[in-house]
Every structure is written in C-alpha cells, then in structure tokens.
Protein backbone atom coordinates (compact mmCIF):
# COMPACT_ATOMS: atom_id res chain seq x y z
CA MET A 1 -149.17 43.24 69.84
CA LYS A 2 -148.79 46.46 67.86
CA THR A 3 -147.98 46.05 64.20
CA ALA A 4 -145.76 48.61 62.43
CA GLY A 5 -147.80 51.24 60.62
CA GLN A 6 -150.97 50.53 62.57
CA PRO A 7 -152.45 53.10 64.94
CA SER A 8 -152.39 52.31 68.62
CA LEU A 9 -155.28 51.86 71.01
CA LYS A 10 -153.05 52.97 73.90
CA GLY A 11 -155.01 55.32 76.13
CA ARG A 12 -158.15 54.91 74.03
CA THR A 13 -161.56 54.12 75.45
CA VAL A 14 -163.14 51.12 73.78
CA LEU A 15 -166.76 50.28 74.51
CA LEU A 16 -167.41 46.62 73.81
CA GLY A 17 -171.04 45.76 73.10
CA LEU A 18 -171.74 42.09 73.82
CA THR A 19 -174.89 40.48 72.47
CA GLY A 20 -176.64 37.10 72.57
CA SER A 21 -174.62 34.83 70.31
CA ILE A 22 -172.85 31.58 71.09
CA ALA A 23 -169.69 33.27 69.77
CA LEU A 24 -169.71 35.48 72.87
CA TYR A 25 -167.10 33.29 74.56
CA LYS A 26 -164.58 34.56 71.98
CA SER A 27 -165.06 38.09 73.29
CA CYS A 28 -163.30 37.11 76.51
CA ASP A 29 -160.08 36.92 74.49
CA LEU A 30 -161.02 40.13 72.66
CA VAL A 31 -161.17 42.04 75.96
CA ARG A 32 -157.75 40.71 76.96
CA ARG A 33 -156.23 41.54 73.58
CA LEU A 34 -157.73 45.06 73.54
CA LYS A 35 -156.19 45.65 76.96
CA ASP A 36 -152.86 44.29 75.68
CA GLU A 37 -153.10 47.03 73.02
CA GLY A 38 -153.37 49.62 75.81
CA ALA A 39 -157.12 50.27 75.53
CA ASP A 40 -159.37 51.00 78.48
CA VAL A 41 -162.25 48.57 77.85
CA PHE A 42 -165.78 49.01 79.18
CA CYS A 43 -168.26 46.20 78.49
CA LEU A 44 -171.95 46.61 77.71
CA MET A 45 -174.09 43.47 77.72
CA THR A 46 -177.56 42.72 76.43
CA ARG A 47 -179.78 40.39 78.44
CA GLY A 48 -179.20 37.69 75.81
CA ALA A 49 -175.42 37.96 76.22
CA GLY A 50 -175.79 37.22 79.91
CA GLU A 51 -177.34 33.87 79.00
CA PHE A 52 -174.03 32.79 77.45
CA VAL A 53 -171.33 34.35 79.67
CA SER A 54 -171.68 36.02 83.06
CA PRO A 55 -171.17 39.78 83.42
CA LEU A 56 -168.76 38.90 86.24
CA THR A 57 -166.40 37.33 83.70
CA PHE A 58 -166.24 40.51 81.63
CA SER A 59 -165.91 42.67 84.73
CA ALA A 60 -162.93 40.63 85.87
CA LEU A 61 -161.31 40.75 82.42
CA SER A 62 -161.90 44.47 81.81
CA GLY A 63 -161.33 45.69 85.36
CA HIS A 64 -164.56 47.68 85.25
CA PRO A 65 -168.20 47.06 86.18
CA VAL A 66 -170.28 45.76 83.29
CA ALA A 67 -173.30 47.80 82.23
CA ASP A 68 -176.17 45.45 81.38
CA ASP A 69 -179.16 47.72 81.91
CA VAL A 70 -179.92 51.24 80.74
CA TRP A 71 -181.66 51.90 84.05
CA ASP A 72 -179.00 50.59 86.46
CA ARG A 73 -177.75 53.78 88.08
CA GLY A 74 -175.36 51.77 90.26
CA VAL A 75 -172.86 51.34 87.42
CA TRP A 76 -172.81 54.79 85.85
CA LYS A 77 -175.03 57.81 86.51
CA PHE A 78 -176.51 57.76 83.00
CA ASN A 79 -175.50 54.41 81.56
CA HIS A 80 -176.22 55.16 77.92
CA LEU A 81 -174.60 58.61 77.94
CA ASP A 82 -171.67 58.60 80.37
CA ARG A 83 -169.36 56.26 78.48
CA ALA A 84 -170.86 56.97 75.05
CA GLU A 85 -169.56 60.52 75.11
CA ARG A 86 -166.07 59.43 76.17
CA ALA A 87 -165.72 56.51 73.75
CA ASP A 88 -163.09 56.48 71.05
CA VAL A 89 -164.79 53.50 69.38
CA LEU A 90 -167.78 51.23 70.02
CA VAL A 91 -167.14 47.63 68.99
CA ILE A 92 -170.15 45.29 68.95
CA SER A 93 -168.80 41.76 69.01
CA PRO A 94 -170.51 39.45 68.57
CA ALA A 95 -173.44 41.22 66.96
CA SER A 96 -176.50 38.97 66.79
CA ALA A 97 -179.13 39.15 64.04
CA ASN A 98 -181.51 40.55 66.66
CA THR A 99 -179.12 43.37 67.54
CA LEU A 100 -178.53 44.22 63.86
CA ALA A 101 -182.31 44.48 63.36
CA ARG A 102 -182.77 46.65 66.45
CA LEU A 103 -179.90 48.96 65.47
CA ALA A 104 -181.29 49.31 61.93
CA ALA A 105 -184.71 50.17 63.37
CA GLY A 106 -183.22 52.81 65.66
CA LEU A 107 -184.33 51.04 68.83
CA ALA A 108 -182.63 51.92 72.11
CA ASP A 109 -184.21 49.48 74.53
CA ASP A 110 -181.03 47.90 75.89
CA ILE A 111 -177.63 49.26 76.88
CA VAL A 112 -175.89 48.31 73.61
CA THR A 113 -178.44 49.90 71.26
CA ALA A 114 -178.90 52.94 73.54
CA VAL A 115 -175.15 53.59 73.55
CA ALA A 116 -174.96 53.10 69.78
CA LEU A 117 -177.55 55.85 69.34
CA SER A 118 -175.84 58.07 71.92
CA THR A 119 -172.22 57.97 70.79
CA ARG A 120 -170.43 60.07 68.23
CA ALA A 121 -167.59 57.55 68.15
CA PRO A 122 -167.16 55.22 65.18
CA ILE A 123 -169.01 51.91 65.43
CA VAL A 124 -167.46 48.60 64.41
CA ILE A 125 -169.76 45.58 64.12
CA ALA A 126 -168.60 41.96 64.09
CA PRO A 127 -171.67 39.82 63.29
CA ALA A 128 -171.97 36.20 64.38
CA MET A 129 -174.95 33.98 63.63
CA HIS A 130 -175.89 30.89 61.68
CA GLU A 131 -175.57 31.14 57.89
CA VAL A 132 -179.34 30.87 57.42
CA MET A 133 -179.82 33.98 59.56
CA TRP A 134 -176.91 35.84 57.95
CA ASN A 135 -178.29 35.19 54.45
CA HIS A 136 -181.88 36.14 55.29
CA PRO A 137 -183.09 39.13 53.21
CA ALA A 138 -184.05 41.04 56.37
CA THR A 139 -180.52 40.69 57.78
CA LYS A 140 -179.00 41.74 54.45
CA ALA A 141 -181.27 44.82 54.39
CA ASN A 142 -180.31 45.69 57.97
CA VAL A 143 -176.60 45.43 57.15
CA ARG A 144 -177.02 47.70 54.11
CA LYS A 145 -178.87 50.24 56.24
CA LEU A 146 -176.24 50.18 58.99
CA ARG A 147 -173.42 50.54 56.45
CA GLY A 148 -175.31 53.56 55.16
CA TYR A 149 -175.11 55.02 58.67
CA GLY A 150 -171.34 54.64 58.49
CA TYR A 151 -171.03 51.54 60.68
CA VAL A 152 -168.01 49.41 59.78
CA PHE A 153 -168.46 45.65 59.45
CA VAL A 154 -165.76 43.07 60.02
CA GLY A 155 -166.83 39.59 58.99
CA PRO A 156 -168.55 37.32 59.30
CA GLU A 157 -166.29 34.58 57.99
CA ARG A 158 -166.98 31.21 56.48
CA GLY A 159 -166.12 28.30 58.74
CA PRO A 160 -167.43 25.82 61.29
CA LEU A 161 -170.68 26.86 62.94
CA THR A 162 -172.34 25.85 66.19
CA ARG A 163 -174.17 22.70 65.11
CA GLY A 164 -171.15 21.24 63.37
CA ASP A 165 -172.08 22.49 59.92
CA THR A 166 -169.99 24.95 57.90
CA GLY A 167 -171.03 28.24 56.35
CA TRP A 168 -170.98 32.04 56.52
CA GLY A 169 -171.72 33.57 59.90
CA ARG A 170 -168.65 32.70 61.95
CA LEU A 171 -167.31 35.58 64.06
CA ALA A 172 -164.30 37.32 62.53
CA GLY A 173 -160.98 36.63 64.20
CA THR A 174 -159.85 38.76 67.12
CA PRO A 175 -156.90 40.29 65.20
CA ASP A 176 -159.28 41.40 62.42
CA ILE A 177 -161.69 42.98 64.91
CA ILE A 178 -158.85 44.83 66.62
CA ALA A 179 -157.47 46.01 63.26
CA ALA A 180 -160.92 47.38 62.34
CA ALA A 181 -161.15 49.19 65.70
CA LYS A 182 -157.71 50.74 65.16
CA LYS A 183 -158.62 51.85 61.66
CA ALA A 184 -161.91 53.35 62.89
CA VAL A 185 -160.10 55.28 65.64
CA ARG A 186 -157.56 56.57 63.16
CA ARG A 187 -160.34 57.87 60.86
CA SER A 188 -162.26 59.62 63.64
C-alpha cells in the first residue's frame, strides 16, 4: 500500500537478489508486496538460495523466469547485463554474510554479484544472518566498505533467530525494505 508522501514503485523495475539465508522464505512476501506497489520484479538467485526455496516459487510469484546462473542463456541473452541496465533498483534480500564478503571483494561469480557490479541502479541490502556472523570483524569491515560504495543498508534487526536464540541479524521487515527501495529510487 502506498503511503502519502512516499515515492511509488509503479512501473519501476526491481531486481531482487536472493541469497543463501534461512530468512529467504520472507522474500516470498517481499515479491508479492513489491508487485502490490506496482513494481515489475525480476528475481536473481544464488546457488545457496536455491537450497532454501525453489526458483519455481519465485518465478510463480514474480511472473518472470528466475535467473540463477550467469551462464544460462535460456533466461536472458546476457544474464548479468540485460536486466542490470534496465533496473531502477537492485534489492538484495536476504543478504548473507557470504554475499556481503563477495560484494566487498568485487567478485562476480554468481548472478547476484555479477548484476551488482553491472548495474548503475542504486543497491539496497537487507542482511540476514546469525548475530555471531553479523558481529564478526570481517562482516563489519565488509559493510563499511559497501556503504563506502554507496550501497544502502536496511537492518538487520534484533529479534528471534533461527536456533531459538535472540540477537542482531534478523532480516528487516518487508515494509522497511520496500521503504528503502522507494527512497533509493527517488534519489537516483
């Protein structure tokens, strides 16, 4: 639902990068809510993401084929370039510690990191991982580096985590992720 004073995602192309985190199931609702906002959503999945939720699920929710391999020419002619150049925003949700490290290192060995390096669109990152991983000095350094590149972070939040414990690392709420995407689109 559009809130007064907020920009709209109507007619905007949102690339949704999905990575290997247990919080991935929450991105099913994110796709639906982005579409409710009028966005055209294209999903990009790492191999790790496919271990948690099937690409078929995200294809059905988005209405588009899911790109899960840089080299799969059956989805788009040049997977990492075709949508990257048309994107209004790239949202990576959930962003695993592994993906943050690979982005900070400038790696482009999967569809999500390759698109991140190929797009001129703003990038919004919603991290999700256990508190121990989130608080690790390497993760903190990677986040600082990515913020220096201009990437926008939303979350993580403090709350219940996978094993039943509580701490920092919980994926930000869907409304907060959408608000960050809207703000990023407005600034671009």
